[in-house]
Amino acid sequence: MTSKRKRVISTVIGGALVITLAQPGMAFADTRDKSQKNISNEFCQQTTSLRTSLLTKFSDKELHKQASSTSIIKKLSDKRSQIDTTRAQSRQKEDVKRTSHFSGLEAKATTDAQKQAVATFKTSVQTAINARRVATDTAIKNYRTGVDALIAQNGTTSLQIKQRLASSTVALVDKVKARCAQGADSKDVRLEFKSGLAEIKNSFNSNVKDLSAVKTQIEALEKIKKAAFAKADADFKIAFDTARTVLKSALGQ
């Protein structure tokens, strides 16, 4: 996989997660704006309609729709399929070239010893190639599994945060409704509502900020994958160089 293609995947993942994290804030902003419009000197008279509006906004269906990570996984799956196809095609081309190279070596081998040396070289090289491919594929699989788990976890946590936002906001409305029922002044209740809403917003923003840690976790998985790639390449080079040295000696080169 080229570095450019890796950057594309990282961008898709990072961008998708940003969208997931941004949606709760958007939902809160809409709620705040609507709440502000409902707040007036007759605030107490409007608490019932405000509560109904909030319940509609924070319905389970809407929350699940906003927090769903299905679309993110789908985009990643499509991109991964393209990458896998390209990698398979590249390997197929490499196999064709290698077979041609082996044929050329076999044509040069004239003695039984040389023919055996070429056969040993072919086996050693093919074994090294298979080992590198297995190591590479395993690293890719582990990386993707880790990323998928983080995205799913992020979606679940995001949903939980929005559910807490919904319940705390509705609870605040119920609280001010009770104050109104007790005969409190509408203007005072309005101020209490504004203060409570500010506290909810601060708590929400703090929780959303904590979700940004997923980006760091994905970067850590990326480093692990790159390290596995580097080791696979290094192991292959050692095996190939050793096999080539033995072959050259047998062919008298």
C-alpha atoms as a PDB file:
ATOM      1  CA  MET A   1       0.000   0.000   0.000  1.00  0.00           C
ATOM      2  CA  THR A   2       1.439   3.371  -0.985  1.00  0.00           C
ATOM      3  CA  SER A   3       1.851   6.184   1.533  1.00  0.00           C
ATOM      4  CA  LYS A   4      -0.594   8.261  -0.515  1.00  0.00           C
ATOM      5  CA  ARG A   5      -3.260   5.565  -0.263  1.00  0.00           C
ATOM      6  CA  LYS A   6      -2.636   5.250   3.489  1.00  0.00           C
ATOM      7  CA  ARG A   7      -3.177   8.971   3.880  1.00  0.00           C
ATOM      8  CA  VAL A   8      -6.462   8.678   1.957  1.00  0.00           C
ATOM      9  CA  ILE A   9      -7.730   6.005   4.381  1.00  0.00           C
ATOM     10  CA  SER A  10      -6.637   8.035   7.403  1.00  0.00           C
ATOM     11  CA  THR A  11      -8.427  11.074   5.975  1.00  0.00           C
ATOM     12  CA  VAL A  12     -11.632   9.097   5.396  1.00  0.00           C
ATOM     13  CA  ILE A  13     -11.536   7.717   8.943  1.00  0.00           C
ATOM     14  CA  GLY A  14     -10.632  11.017  10.574  1.00  0.00           C
ATOM     15  CA  GLY A  15     -13.179  12.970   8.564  1.00  0.00           C
ATOM     16  CA  ALA A  16     -15.956  10.485   9.269  1.00  0.00           C
ATOM     17  CA  LEU A  17     -15.247  10.545  12.999  1.00  0.00           C
ATOM     18  CA  VAL A  18     -15.254  14.328  13.056  1.00  0.00           C
ATOM     19  CA  ILE A  19     -18.721  14.270  11.500  1.00  0.00           C
ATOM     20  CA  THR A  20     -19.912  11.790  14.150  1.00  0.00           C
ATOM     21  CA  LEU A  21     -18.529  13.945  16.946  1.00  0.00           C
ATOM     22  CA  ALA A  22     -19.888  17.153  15.463  1.00  0.00           C
ATOM     23  CA  GLN A  23     -23.477  15.955  15.226  1.00  0.00           C
ATOM     24  CA  PRO A  24     -24.175  16.023  18.987  1.00  0.00           C
ATOM     25  CA  GLY A  25     -23.088  19.627  19.112  1.00  0.00           C
ATOM     26  CA  MET A  26     -25.344  20.469  16.211  1.00  0.00           C
ATOM     27  CA  ALA A  27     -28.264  18.834  17.985  1.00  0.00           C
ATOM     28  CA  PHE A  28     -27.565  20.842  21.117  1.00  0.00           C
ATOM     29  CA  ALA A  29     -27.265  24.088  19.178  1.00  0.00           C
ATOM     30  CA  ASP A  30     -30.659  23.509  17.589  1.00  0.00           C
ATOM     31  CA  THR A  31     -32.195  22.745  20.977  1.00  0.00           C
ATOM     32  CA  ARG A  32     -30.668  25.842  22.525  1.00  0.00           C
ATOM     33  CA  ASP A  33     -31.921  28.077  19.724  1.00  0.00           C
ATOM     34  CA  LYS A  34     -35.437  26.694  19.941  1.00  0.00           C
ATOM     35  CA  SER A  35     -35.352  26.924  23.726  1.00  0.00           C
ATOM     36  CA  GLN A  36     -34.331  30.574  23.537  1.00  0.00           C
ATOM     37  CA  LYS A  37     -37.231  31.326  21.260  1.00  0.00           C
ATOM     38  CA  ASN A  38     -39.629  29.719  23.710  1.00  0.00           C
ATOM     39  CA  ILE A  39     -38.283  31.774  26.617  1.00  0.00           C
ATOM     40  CA  SER A  40     -40.265  34.934  27.273  1.00  0.00           C
ATOM     41  CA  ASN A  41     -41.999  36.714  30.108  1.00  0.00           C
ATOM     42  CA  GLU A  42     -44.711  34.077  29.769  1.00  0.00           C
ATOM     43  CA  PHE A  43     -42.116  31.334  30.124  1.00  0.00           C
ATOM     44  CA  CYS A  44     -44.162  29.332  32.599  1.00  0.00           C
ATOM     45  CA  GLN A  45     -47.028  29.158  30.133  1.00  0.00           C
ATOM     46  CA  GLN A  46     -44.751  27.690  27.473  1.00  0.00           C
ATOM     47  CA  THR A  47     -42.967  24.960  29.412  1.00  0.00           C
ATOM     48  CA  THR A  48     -45.387  22.247  28.290  1.00  0.00           C
ATOM     49  CA  SER A  49     -44.909  22.953  24.584  1.00  0.00           C
ATOM     50  CA  LEU A  50     -41.161  23.268  25.186  1.00  0.00           C
ATOM     51  CA  ARG A  51     -41.036  19.841  26.787  1.00  0.00           C
ATOM     52  CA  THR A  52     -42.971  18.304  23.895  1.00  0.00           C
ATOM     53  CA  SER A  53     -40.592  19.894  21.424  1.00  0.00           C
ATOM     54  CA  LEU A  54     -37.569  18.543  23.283  1.00  0.00           C
ATOM     55  CA  LEU A  55     -38.971  15.023  23.459  1.00  0.00           C
ATOM     56  CA  THR A  56     -39.513  15.068  19.711  1.00  0.00           C
ATOM     57  CA  LYS A  57     -36.001  16.366  19.109  1.00  0.00           C
ATOM     58  CA  PHE A  58     -34.407  13.769  21.339  1.00  0.00           C
ATOM     59  CA  SER A  59     -36.467  10.780  20.274  1.00  0.00           C
ATOM     60  CA  ASP A  60     -34.621   7.470  20.306  1.00  0.00           C
ATOM     61  CA  LYS A  61     -35.030   7.161  16.562  1.00  0.00           C
ATOM     62  CA  GLU A  62     -33.349  10.491  15.930  1.00  0.00           C
ATOM     63  CA  LEU A  63     -30.560   9.782  18.400  1.00  0.00           C
ATOM     64  CA  HIS A  64     -29.760   6.419  16.856  1.00  0.00           C
ATOM     65  CA  LYS A  65     -29.835   7.959  13.395  1.00  0.00           C
ATOM     66  CA  GLN A  66     -27.342  10.658  14.377  1.00  0.00           C
ATOM     67  CA  ALA A  67     -24.988   8.337  16.271  1.00  0.00           C
ATOM     68  CA  SER A  68     -25.035   5.485  13.772  1.00  0.00           C
ATOM     69  CA  SER A  69     -21.581   4.414  12.596  1.00  0.00           C
ATOM     70  CA  THR A  70     -22.967   2.199   9.844  1.00  0.00           C
ATOM     71  CA  SER A  71     -22.336   4.741   7.100  1.00  0.00           C
ATOM     72  CA  ILE A  72     -18.736   5.199   8.258  1.00  0.00           C
ATOM     73  CA  ILE A  73     -18.064   1.458   8.185  1.00  0.00           C
ATOM     74  CA  LYS A  74     -19.688   1.235   4.732  1.00  0.00           C
ATOM     75  CA  LYS A  75     -17.395   3.928   3.309  1.00  0.00           C
ATOM     76  CA  LEU A  76     -14.365   2.252   4.825  1.00  0.00           C
ATOM     77  CA  SER A  77     -15.461  -1.138   3.513  1.00  0.00           C
ATOM     78  CA  ASP A  78     -15.780   0.202  -0.039  1.00  0.00           C
ATOM     79  CA  LYS A  79     -12.371   1.863   0.132  1.00  0.00           C
ATOM     80  CA  ARG A  80     -10.796  -1.256   1.598  1.00  0.00           C
ATOM     81  CA  SER A  81     -12.241  -3.402  -1.170  1.00  0.00           C
ATOM     82  CA  GLN A  82     -10.591  -1.153  -3.755  1.00  0.00           C
ATOM     83  CA  ILE A  83      -7.268  -1.367  -1.944  1.00  0.00           C
ATOM     84  CA  ASP A  84      -7.486  -5.149  -1.606  1.00  0.00           C
ATOM     85  CA  THR A  85      -8.240  -5.510  -5.314  1.00  0.00           C
ATOM     86  CA  THR A  86      -5.276  -3.319  -6.248  1.00  0.00           C
ATOM     87  CA  ARG A  87      -2.967  -5.261  -3.922  1.00  0.00           C
ATOM     88  CA  ALA A  88      -4.112  -8.599  -5.364  1.00  0.00           C
ATOM     89  CA  GLN A  89      -3.525  -7.376  -8.921  1.00  0.00           C
ATOM     90  CA  SER A  90      -0.077  -6.098  -7.994  1.00  0.00           C
ATOM     91  CA  ARG A  91       0.858  -9.424  -6.448  1.00  0.00           C
ATOM     92  CA  GLN A  92      -0.345 -11.260  -9.527  1.00  0.00           C
ATOM     93  CA  LYS A  93       1.900  -9.138 -11.736  1.00  0.00           C
ATOM     94  CA  GLU A  94       4.831  -9.771  -9.407  1.00  0.00           C
ATOM     95  CA  ASP A  95       4.197 -13.515  -9.594  1.00  0.00           C
ATOM     96  CA  VAL A  96       4.246 -13.436 -13.400  1.00  0.00           C
ATOM     97  CA  LYS A  97       7.549 -11.534 -13.479  1.00  0.00           C
ATOM     98  CA  ARG A  98       9.086 -13.839 -10.880  1.00  0.00           C
ATOM     99  CA  THR A  99       8.060 -16.950 -12.824  1.00  0.00           C
ATOM    100  CA  SER A 100       9.706 -15.498 -15.912  1.00  0.00           C
ATOM    101  CA  HIS A 101      12.860 -14.747 -13.928  1.00  0.00           C
ATOM    102  CA  PHE A 102      12.963 -18.277 -12.556  1.00  0.00           C
ATOM    103  CA  SER A 103      12.631 -19.664 -16.074  1.00  0.00           C
ATOM    104  CA  GLY A 104      15.625 -17.613 -17.148  1.00  0.00           C
ATOM    105  CA  LEU A 105      17.706 -18.980 -14.258  1.00  0.00           C
ATOM    106  CA  GLU A 106      16.696 -22.543 -15.073  1.00  0.00           C
ATOM    107  CA  ALA A 107      17.801 -22.002 -18.672  1.00  0.00           C
ATOM    108  CA  LYS A 108      21.249 -20.915 -17.461  1.00  0.00           C
ATOM    109  CA  ALA A 109      21.681 -23.922 -15.187  1.00  0.00           C
ATOM    110  CA  THR A 110      23.552 -26.690 -17.035  1.00  0.00           C
ATOM    111  CA  THR A 111      24.823 -29.038 -14.345  1.00  0.00           C
ATOM    112  CA  ASP A 112      22.774 -31.018 -11.857  1.00  0.00           C
ATOM    113  CA  ALA A 113      24.284 -28.980  -9.017  1.00  0.00           C
ATOM    114  CA  GLN A 114      23.288 -25.722 -10.684  1.00  0.00           C
ATOM    115  CA  LYS A 115      19.789 -26.990 -11.386  1.00  0.00           C
ATOM    116  CA  GLN A 116      19.437 -28.002  -7.748  1.00  0.00           C
ATOM    117  CA  ALA A 117      20.719 -24.588  -6.645  1.00  0.00           C
ATOM    118  CA  VAL A 118      18.105 -22.853  -8.814  1.00  0.00           C
ATOM    119  CA  ALA A 119      15.359 -25.086  -7.414  1.00  0.00           C
ATOM    120  CA  THR A 120      16.494 -24.298  -3.867  1.00  0.00           C
ATOM    121  CA  PHE A 121      16.573 -20.589  -4.685  1.00  0.00           C
ATOM    122  CA  LYS A 122      13.033 -20.705  -6.053  1.00  0.00           C
ATOM    123  CA  THR A 123      11.763 -22.432  -2.941  1.00  0.00           C
ATOM    124  CA  SER A 124      13.560 -20.025  -0.601  1.00  0.00           C
ATOM    125  CA  VAL A 125      12.321 -16.948  -2.434  1.00  0.00           C
ATOM    126  CA  GLN A 126       8.741 -18.182  -2.645  1.00  0.00           C
ATOM    127  CA  THR A 127       8.761 -19.037   1.059  1.00  0.00           C
ATOM    128  CA  ALA A 128      10.051 -15.563   1.908  1.00  0.00           C
ATOM    129  CA  ILE A 129       7.422 -13.940  -0.294  1.00  0.00           C
ATOM    130  CA  ASN A 130       4.624 -15.970   1.272  1.00  0.00           C
ATOM    131  CA  ALA A 131       5.846 -15.057   4.755  1.00  0.00           C
ATOM    132  CA  ARG A 132       5.907 -11.349   3.902  1.00  0.00           C
ATOM    133  CA  ARG A 133       2.422 -11.470   2.427  1.00  0.00           C
ATOM    134  CA  VAL A 134       1.020 -13.272   5.452  1.00  0.00           C
ATOM    135  CA  ALA A 135       2.647 -10.763   7.808  1.00  0.00           C
ATOM    136  CA  THR A 136       1.345  -7.852   5.734  1.00  0.00           C
ATOM    137  CA  ASP A 137      -2.180  -9.232   5.501  1.00  0.00           C
ATOM    138  CA  THR A 138      -2.238  -9.943   9.241  1.00  0.00           C
ATOM    139  CA  ALA A 139      -1.120  -6.399  10.043  1.00  0.00           C
ATOM    140  CA  ILE A 140      -3.826  -4.966   7.782  1.00  0.00           C
ATOM    141  CA  LYS A 141      -6.496  -7.192   9.304  1.00  0.00           C
ATOM    142  CA  ASN A 142      -5.500  -6.277  12.870  1.00  0.00           C
ATOM    143  CA  TYR A 143      -5.484  -2.574  11.993  1.00  0.00           C
ATOM    144  CA  ARG A 144      -8.907  -2.693  10.386  1.00  0.00           C
ATOM    145  CA  THR A 145     -10.384  -4.707  13.240  1.00  0.00           C
ATOM    146  CA  GLY A 146      -9.047  -2.171  15.729  1.00  0.00           C
ATOM    147  CA  VAL A 147     -10.363   0.789  13.747  1.00  0.00           C
ATOM    148  CA  ASP A 148     -13.807  -0.787  13.354  1.00  0.00           C
ATOM    149  CA  ALA A 149     -13.978  -1.432  17.093  1.00  0.00           C
ATOM    150  CA  LEU A 150     -13.053   2.170  17.865  1.00  0.00           C
ATOM    151  CA  ILE A 151     -15.651   3.515  15.447  1.00  0.00           C
ATOM    152  CA  ALA A 152     -18.346   1.289  16.942  1.00  0.00           C
ATOM    153  CA  GLN A 153     -17.328   2.306  20.451  1.00  0.00           C
ATOM    154  CA  ASN A 154     -17.332   5.943  19.421  1.00  0.00           C
ATOM    155  CA  GLY A 155     -20.844   5.628  18.038  1.00  0.00           C
ATOM    156  CA  THR A 156     -22.090   3.979  21.226  1.00  0.00           C
ATOM    157  CA  THR A 157     -20.445   6.566  23.477  1.00  0.00           C
ATOM    158  CA  SER A 158     -21.716   9.397  21.299  1.00  0.00           C
ATOM    159  CA  LEU A 159     -25.239   8.027  21.565  1.00  0.00           C
ATOM    160  CA  GLN A 160     -24.937   7.754  25.342  1.00  0.00           C
ATOM    161  CA  ILE A 161     -23.753  11.352  25.584  1.00  0.00           C
ATOM    162  CA  LYS A 162     -26.702  12.565  23.538  1.00  0.00           C
ATOM    163  CA  GLN A 163     -29.093  10.495  25.601  1.00  0.00           C
ATOM    164  CA  ARG A 164     -27.722  12.132  28.750  1.00  0.00           C
ATOM    165  CA  LEU A 165     -28.128  15.497  27.053  1.00  0.00           C
ATOM    166  CA  ALA A 166     -31.742  14.670  26.260  1.00  0.00           C
ATOM    167  CA  SER A 167     -32.643  13.393  29.723  1.00  0.00           C
ATOM    168  CA  SER A 168     -30.906  16.235  31.565  1.00  0.00           C
ATOM    169  CA  THR A 169     -32.533  18.878  29.355  1.00  0.00           C
ATOM    170  CA  VAL A 170     -36.021  17.409  29.751  1.00  0.00           C
ATOM    171  CA  ALA A 171     -35.392  17.054  33.498  1.00  0.00           C
ATOM    172  CA  LEU A 172     -34.493  20.745  33.606  1.00  0.00           C
ATOM    173  CA  VAL A 173     -37.776  21.649  31.920  1.00  0.00           C
ATOM    174  CA  ASP A 174     -39.676  19.480  34.412  1.00  0.00           C
ATOM    175  CA  LYS A 175     -37.864  21.253  37.229  1.00  0.00           C
ATOM    176  CA  VAL A 176     -38.835  24.716  36.047  1.00  0.00           C
ATOM    177  CA  LYS A 177     -42.396  23.523  35.396  1.00  0.00           C
ATOM    178  CA  ALA A 178     -42.570  22.474  39.027  1.00  0.00           C
ATOM    179  CA  ARG A 179     -41.247  25.884  40.077  1.00  0.00           C
ATOM    180  CA  CYS A 180     -43.952  27.509  38.003  1.00  0.00           C
ATOM    181  CA  ALA A 181     -46.584  25.302  39.587  1.00  0.00           C
ATOM    182  CA  GLN A 182     -45.337  26.468  42.988  1.00  0.00           C
ATOM    183  CA  GLY A 183     -46.081  30.051  41.967  1.00  0.00           C
ATOM    184  CA  ALA A 184     -42.552  31.234  41.181  1.00  0.00           C
ATOM    185  CA  ASP A 185     -42.191  34.335  39.050  1.00  0.00           C
ATOM    186  CA  SER A 186     -41.920  33.511  35.350  1.00  0.00           C
ATOM    187  CA  LYS A 187     -38.912  35.786  34.851  1.00  0.00           C
ATOM    188  CA  ASP A 188     -37.052  34.136  37.733  1.00  0.00           C
ATOM    189  CA  VAL A 189     -37.817  30.684  36.372  1.00  0.00           C
ATOM    190  CA  ARG A 190     -36.581  31.806  32.965  1.00  0.00           C
ATOM    191  CA  LEU A 191     -33.249  32.817  34.478  1.00  0.00           C
ATOM    192  CA  GLU A 192     -33.002  29.511  36.334  1.00  0.00           C
ATOM    193  CA  PHE A 193     -33.654  27.693  33.088  1.00  0.00           C
ATOM    194  CA  LYS A 194     -30.932  29.638  31.282  1.00  0.00           C
ATOM    195  CA  SER A 195     -28.463  28.878  34.053  1.00  0.00           C
ATOM    196  CA  GLY A 196     -29.307  25.179  34.064  1.00  0.00           C
ATOM    197  CA  LEU A 197     -29.066  25.002  30.294  1.00  0.00           C
ATOM    198  CA  ALA A 198     -25.598  26.561  30.422  1.00  0.00           C
ATOM    199  CA  GLU A 199     -24.450  23.879  32.875  1.00  0.00           C
ATOM    200  CA  ILE A 200     -25.815  21.129  30.649  1.00  0.00           C
ATOM    201  CA  LYS A 201     -24.048  22.616  27.661  1.00  0.00           C
ATOM    202  CA  ASN A 202     -20.702  22.781  29.490  1.00  0.00           C
ATOM    203  CA  SER A 203     -21.013  19.161  30.577  1.00  0.00           C
ATOM    204  CA  PHE A 204     -21.945  18.108  27.063  1.00  0.00           C
ATOM    205  CA  ASN A 205     -19.014  19.938  25.469  1.00  0.00           C
ATOM    206  CA  SER A 206     -16.629  18.346  27.967  1.00  0.00           C
ATOM    207  CA  ASN A 207     -17.911  14.865  27.142  1.00  0.00           C
ATOM    208  CA  VAL A 208     -17.632  15.453  23.408  1.00  0.00           C
ATOM    209  CA  LYS A 209     -14.075  16.710  23.836  1.00  0.00           C
ATOM    210  CA  ASP A 210     -13.151  13.456  25.555  1.00  0.00           C
ATOM    211  CA  LEU A 211     -14.328  11.546  22.484  1.00  0.00           C
ATOM    212  CA  SER A 212     -11.512  13.097  20.444  1.00  0.00           C
ATOM    213  CA  ALA A 213      -9.148  10.568  22.047  1.00  0.00           C
ATOM    214  CA  VAL A 214     -10.278   8.076  19.393  1.00  0.00           C
ATOM    215  CA  LYS A 215      -8.152   9.918  16.827  1.00  0.00           C
ATOM    216  CA  THR A 216      -5.023   9.321  18.906  1.00  0.00           C
ATOM    217  CA  GLN A 217      -5.957   5.671  19.300  1.00  0.00           C
ATOM    218  CA  ILE A 218      -6.298   5.238  15.538  1.00  0.00           C
ATOM    219  CA  GLU A 219      -2.919   6.883  15.024  1.00  0.00           C
ATOM    220  CA  ALA A 220      -1.429   4.365  17.459  1.00  0.00           C
ATOM    221  CA  LEU A 221      -2.916   1.502  15.428  1.00  0.00           C
ATOM    222  CA  GLU A 222      -1.435   3.055  12.283  1.00  0.00           C
ATOM    223  CA  LYS A 223       2.048   3.039  13.861  1.00  0.00           C
ATOM    224  CA  ILE A 224       1.699  -0.610  14.834  1.00  0.00           C
ATOM    225  CA  LYS A 225       0.707  -1.501  11.278  1.00  0.00           C
ATOM    226  CA  LYS A 226       3.619   0.407   9.765  1.00  0.00           C
ATOM    227  CA  ALA A 227       6.050  -1.278  12.162  1.00  0.00           C
ATOM    228  CA  ALA A 228       4.694  -4.682  11.100  1.00  0.00           C
ATOM    229  CA  PHE A 229       5.139  -3.736   7.433  1.00  0.00           C
ATOM    230  CA  ALA A 230       8.724  -2.643   8.054  1.00  0.00           C
ATOM    231  CA  LYS A 231       9.590  -5.881   9.847  1.00  0.00           C
ATOM    232  CA  ALA A 232       8.020  -7.975   7.093  1.00  0.00           C
ATOM    233  CA  ASP A 233      10.084  -6.144   4.468  1.00  0.00           C
ATOM    234  CA  ALA A 234      13.275  -6.459   6.511  1.00  0.00           C
ATOM    235  CA  ASP A 235      12.766 -10.207   7.076  1.00  0.00           C
ATOM    236  CA  PHE A 236      12.105 -10.716   3.379  1.00  0.00           C
ATOM    237  CA  LYS A 237      15.250  -8.830   2.376  1.00  0.00           C
ATOM    238  CA  ILE A 238      17.408 -10.944   4.662  1.00  0.00           C
ATOM    239  CA  ALA A 239      15.945 -14.190   3.321  1.00  0.00           C
ATOM    240  CA  PHE A 240      16.195 -13.081  -0.307  1.00  0.00           C
ATOM    241  CA  ASP A 241      19.773 -11.811  -0.012  1.00  0.00           C
ATOM    242  CA  THR A 242      20.834 -15.054   1.639  1.00  0.00           C
ATOM    243  CA  ALA A 243      19.209 -17.173  -1.068  1.00  0.00           C
ATOM    244  CA  ARG A 244      20.732 -15.046  -3.825  1.00  0.00           C
ATOM    245  CA  THR A 245      24.212 -15.304  -2.340  1.00  0.00           C
ATOM    246  CA  VAL A 246      23.971 -19.107  -2.245  1.00  0.00           C
ATOM    247  CA  LEU A 247      22.681 -19.202  -5.822  1.00  0.00           C
ATOM    248  CA  LYS A 248      25.458 -16.977  -7.173  1.00  0.00           C
ATOM    249  CA  SER A 249      28.042 -19.170  -5.520  1.00  0.00           C
ATOM    250  CA  ALA A 250      26.526 -22.287  -7.103  1.00  0.00           C
ATOM    251  CA  LEU A 251      26.403 -20.640 -10.519  1.00  0.00           C
ATOM    252  CA  GLY A 252      29.976 -19.447 -10.195  1.00  0.00           C
ATOM    253  CA  GLN A 253      29.110 -15.753 -10.269  1.00  0.00           C
END
